[in-house]
């Protein structure tokens, strides 16, 4: 017989994973971070029961882990999207900086278009 505490932890982990999968396209970075933190907490709580895992528990864990690739792909897509935004923001900042220079009153500014 499996430990009841382990069963509760497995159910909680499965529930949180399924909730993330259902809302995968709507979650933002902070929500993914919360999910990862909650998952880590649950896994740490499962450590004392590691030796008493039944084959059913192990199968349940494998099933939960099978969804990791989909979740990781979405997290990577968000990371890439944020990286592109940062690059774009940096380019805009460089362009704006050229026009925001403090020039003396009697000087000229000539903008050459390429």
C-alpha atoms as a PDB file:
ATOM      1  CA  UNK A   1       0.000   0.000   0.000  1.00  0.00           C
ATOM      2  CA  UNK A   2       1.360   3.386  -0.978  1.00  0.00           C
ATOM      3  CA  UNK A   3       1.747   6.138   1.581  1.00  0.00           C
ATOM      4  CA  UNK A   4      -1.347   8.413   1.633  1.00  0.00           C
ATOM      5  CA  UNK A   5       0.846  11.502   1.796  1.00  0.00           C
ATOM      6  CA  UNK A   6       2.584  10.421  -1.386  1.00  0.00           C
ATOM      7  CA  UNK A   7      -0.774   9.963  -3.092  1.00  0.00           C
ATOM      8  CA  UNK A   8      -1.833  13.479  -2.104  1.00  0.00           C
ATOM      9  CA  UNK A   9       1.424  14.918  -3.441  1.00  0.00           C
ATOM     10  CA  UNK A  10       1.104  13.003  -6.704  1.00  0.00           C
ATOM     11  CA  UNK A  11      -2.478  14.179  -7.145  1.00  0.00           C
ATOM     12  CA  UNK A  12      -1.440  17.769  -6.464  1.00  0.00           C
ATOM     13  CA  UNK A  13       1.417  17.511  -8.966  1.00  0.00           C
ATOM     14  CA  UNK A  14      -0.852  15.983 -11.592  1.00  0.00           C
ATOM     15  CA  UNK A  15      -3.547  18.621 -11.013  1.00  0.00           C
ATOM     16  CA  UNK A  16      -1.076  21.511 -11.341  1.00  0.00           C
ATOM     17  CA  UNK A  17       0.466  19.999 -14.482  1.00  0.00           C
ATOM     18  CA  UNK A  18      -2.944  19.515 -16.094  1.00  0.00           C
ATOM     19  CA  UNK A  19      -3.931  23.096 -15.195  1.00  0.00           C
ATOM     20  CA  UNK A  20      -0.798  24.390 -16.930  1.00  0.00           C
ATOM     21  CA  UNK A  21      -1.474  22.249 -19.998  1.00  0.00           C
ATOM     22  CA  UNK A  22      -5.047  23.521 -20.288  1.00  0.00           C
ATOM     23  CA  UNK A  23      -3.915  27.169 -20.122  1.00  0.00           C
ATOM     24  CA  UNK A  24      -0.574  26.679 -21.872  1.00  0.00           C
ATOM     25  CA  UNK A  25      -1.016  29.426 -24.457  1.00  0.00           C
ATOM     26  CA  UNK A  26      -2.454  31.933 -21.979  1.00  0.00           C
ATOM     27  CA  UNK A  27       0.161  31.707 -19.223  1.00  0.00           C
ATOM     28  CA  UNK A  28       2.773  34.412 -18.847  1.00  0.00           C
ATOM     29  CA  UNK A  29       6.329  34.160 -17.552  1.00  0.00           C
ATOM     30  CA  UNK A  30       5.374  34.803 -13.926  1.00  0.00           C
ATOM     31  CA  UNK A  31       2.766  32.054 -13.961  1.00  0.00           C
ATOM     32  CA  UNK A  32       5.282  29.589 -15.399  1.00  0.00           C
ATOM     33  CA  UNK A  33       7.731  30.616 -12.692  1.00  0.00           C
ATOM     34  CA  UNK A  34       5.080  30.014 -10.019  1.00  0.00           C
ATOM     35  CA  UNK A  35       4.359  26.595 -11.531  1.00  0.00           C
ATOM     36  CA  UNK A  36       8.047  25.670 -11.481  1.00  0.00           C
ATOM     37  CA  UNK A  37       8.368  26.802  -7.843  1.00  0.00           C
ATOM     38  CA  UNK A  38       5.263  24.868  -6.779  1.00  0.00           C
ATOM     39  CA  UNK A  39       6.441  21.794  -8.639  1.00  0.00           C
ATOM     40  CA  UNK A  40       9.856  21.994  -6.996  1.00  0.00           C
ATOM     41  CA  UNK A  41       8.214  22.254  -3.568  1.00  0.00           C
ATOM     42  CA  UNK A  42       6.078  19.166  -4.246  1.00  0.00           C
ATOM     43  CA  UNK A  43       9.058  17.161  -5.519  1.00  0.00           C
ATOM     44  CA  UNK A  44      11.050  18.066  -2.412  1.00  0.00           C
ATOM     45  CA  UNK A  45       8.142  16.891  -0.243  1.00  0.00           C
ATOM     46  CA  UNK A  46       8.078  13.598  -2.173  1.00  0.00           C
ATOM     47  CA  UNK A  47      11.741  12.795  -1.440  1.00  0.00           C
ATOM     48  CA  UNK A  48      11.152  10.986   1.904  1.00  0.00           C
ATOM     49  CA  UNK A  49       8.703   8.605   0.180  1.00  0.00           C
ATOM     50  CA  UNK A  50      11.035   7.716  -2.676  1.00  0.00           C
ATOM     51  CA  UNK A  51      11.803   4.218  -1.383  1.00  0.00           C
ATOM     52  CA  UNK A  52       8.140   3.366  -0.835  1.00  0.00           C
ATOM     53  CA  UNK A  53       6.973   4.146  -4.387  1.00  0.00           C
ATOM     54  CA  UNK A  54       4.747   1.532  -5.955  1.00  0.00           C
ATOM     55  CA  UNK A  55       4.803   0.678  -9.653  1.00  0.00           C
ATOM     56  CA  UNK A  56       1.517   2.582 -10.007  1.00  0.00           C
ATOM     57  CA  UNK A  57       3.138   5.688  -8.449  1.00  0.00           C
ATOM     58  CA  UNK A  58       6.106   5.389 -10.791  1.00  0.00           C
ATOM     59  CA  UNK A  59       3.799   5.130 -13.794  1.00  0.00           C
ATOM     60  CA  UNK A  60       1.893   8.199 -12.623  1.00  0.00           C
ATOM     61  CA  UNK A  61       5.161  10.134 -12.332  1.00  0.00           C
ATOM     62  CA  UNK A  62       6.228   9.022 -15.840  1.00  0.00           C
ATOM     63  CA  UNK A  63       2.856  10.189 -17.154  1.00  0.00           C
ATOM     64  CA  UNK A  64       3.266  13.593 -15.500  1.00  0.00           C
ATOM     65  CA  UNK A  65       6.827  13.910 -16.837  1.00  0.00           C
ATOM     66  CA  UNK A  66       5.681  13.042 -20.357  1.00  0.00           C
ATOM     67  CA  UNK A  67       4.098  16.495 -20.573  1.00  0.00           C
ATOM     68  CA  UNK A  68       7.351  18.291 -19.758  1.00  0.00           C
ATOM     69  CA  UNK A  69       8.465  18.653 -23.376  1.00  0.00           C
ATOM     70  CA  UNK A  70       5.295  20.556 -24.336  1.00  0.00           C
ATOM     71  CA  UNK A  71       5.595  22.845 -21.313  1.00  0.00           C
ATOM     72  CA  UNK A  72       9.301  23.429 -21.945  1.00  0.00           C
ATOM     73  CA  UNK A  73       8.634  24.282 -25.603  1.00  0.00           C
ATOM     74  CA  UNK A  74       6.139  26.946 -24.561  1.00  0.00           C
ATOM     75  CA  UNK A  75       8.527  28.328 -21.951  1.00  0.00           C
ATOM     76  CA  UNK A  76      11.301  28.469 -24.577  1.00  0.00           C
ATOM     77  CA  UNK A  77       8.964  30.282 -26.982  1.00  0.00           C
ATOM     78  CA  UNK A  78       8.223  32.893 -24.301  1.00  0.00           C
ATOM     79  CA  UNK A  79      11.942  33.243 -23.610  1.00  0.00           C
ATOM     80  CA  UNK A  80      12.693  33.739 -27.311  1.00  0.00           C
ATOM     81  CA  UNK A  81       9.865  36.252 -27.611  1.00  0.00           C
ATOM     82  CA  UNK A  82      11.224  38.228 -24.662  1.00  0.00           C
ATOM     83  CA  UNK A  83      14.727  38.119 -26.156  1.00  0.00           C
ATOM     84  CA  UNK A  84      13.488  39.473 -29.477  1.00  0.00           C
ATOM     85  CA  UNK A  85      11.607  42.229 -27.674  1.00  0.00           C
ATOM     86  CA  UNK A  86      14.764  43.163 -25.745  1.00  0.00           C
ATOM     87  CA  UNK A  87      16.809  43.303 -28.971  1.00  0.00           C
ATOM     88  CA  UNK A  88      14.161  45.420 -30.673  1.00  0.00           C
ATOM     89  CA  UNK A  89      13.930  47.720 -27.660  1.00  0.00           C
ATOM     90  CA  UNK A  90      17.705  48.148 -27.667  1.00  0.00           C
ATOM     91  CA  UNK A  91      17.724  49.069 -31.362  1.00  0.00           C
ATOM     92  CA  UNK A  92      14.942  51.603 -30.813  1.00  0.00           C
ATOM     93  CA  UNK A  93      16.836  53.099 -27.886  1.00  0.00           C
ATOM     94  CA  UNK A  94      19.975  53.521 -30.034  1.00  0.00           C
ATOM     95  CA  UNK A  95      17.971  55.225 -32.777  1.00  0.00           C
ATOM     96  CA  UNK A  96      16.223  57.536 -30.326  1.00  0.00           C
ATOM     97  CA  UNK A  97      19.507  58.412 -28.668  1.00  0.00           C
ATOM     98  CA  UNK A  98      20.800  59.895 -31.933  1.00  0.00           C
ATOM     99  CA  UNK A  99      17.883  62.319 -32.041  1.00  0.00           C
ATOM    100  CA  UNK A 100      17.949  63.205 -28.355  1.00  0.00           C
ATOM    101  CA  UNK A 101      21.458  64.567 -28.269  1.00  0.00           C
ATOM    102  CA  UNK A 102      21.862  68.011 -26.778  1.00  0.00           C
ATOM    103  CA  UNK A 103      23.220  70.130 -29.602  1.00  0.00           C
ATOM    104  CA  UNK A 104      24.345  73.691 -29.391  1.00  0.00           C
ATOM    105  CA  UNK A 105      21.968  76.277 -30.807  1.00  0.00           C
ATOM    106  CA  UNK A 106      24.100  77.285 -33.796  1.00  0.00           C
ATOM    107  CA  UNK A 107      24.967  73.750 -34.946  1.00  0.00           C
ATOM    108  CA  UNK A 108      23.426  71.711 -37.747  1.00  0.00           C
ATOM    109  CA  UNK A 109      22.175  68.143 -37.691  1.00  0.00           C
ATOM    110  CA  UNK A 110      22.040  66.319 -41.002  1.00  0.00           C
ATOM    111  CA  UNK A 111      20.339  62.952 -41.181  1.00  0.00           C
ATOM    112  CA  UNK A 112      21.522  60.853 -44.106  1.00  0.00           C
ATOM    113  CA  UNK A 113      19.041  58.180 -45.136  1.00  0.00           C
ATOM    114  CA  UNK A 114      20.419  54.901 -46.417  1.00  0.00           C
END
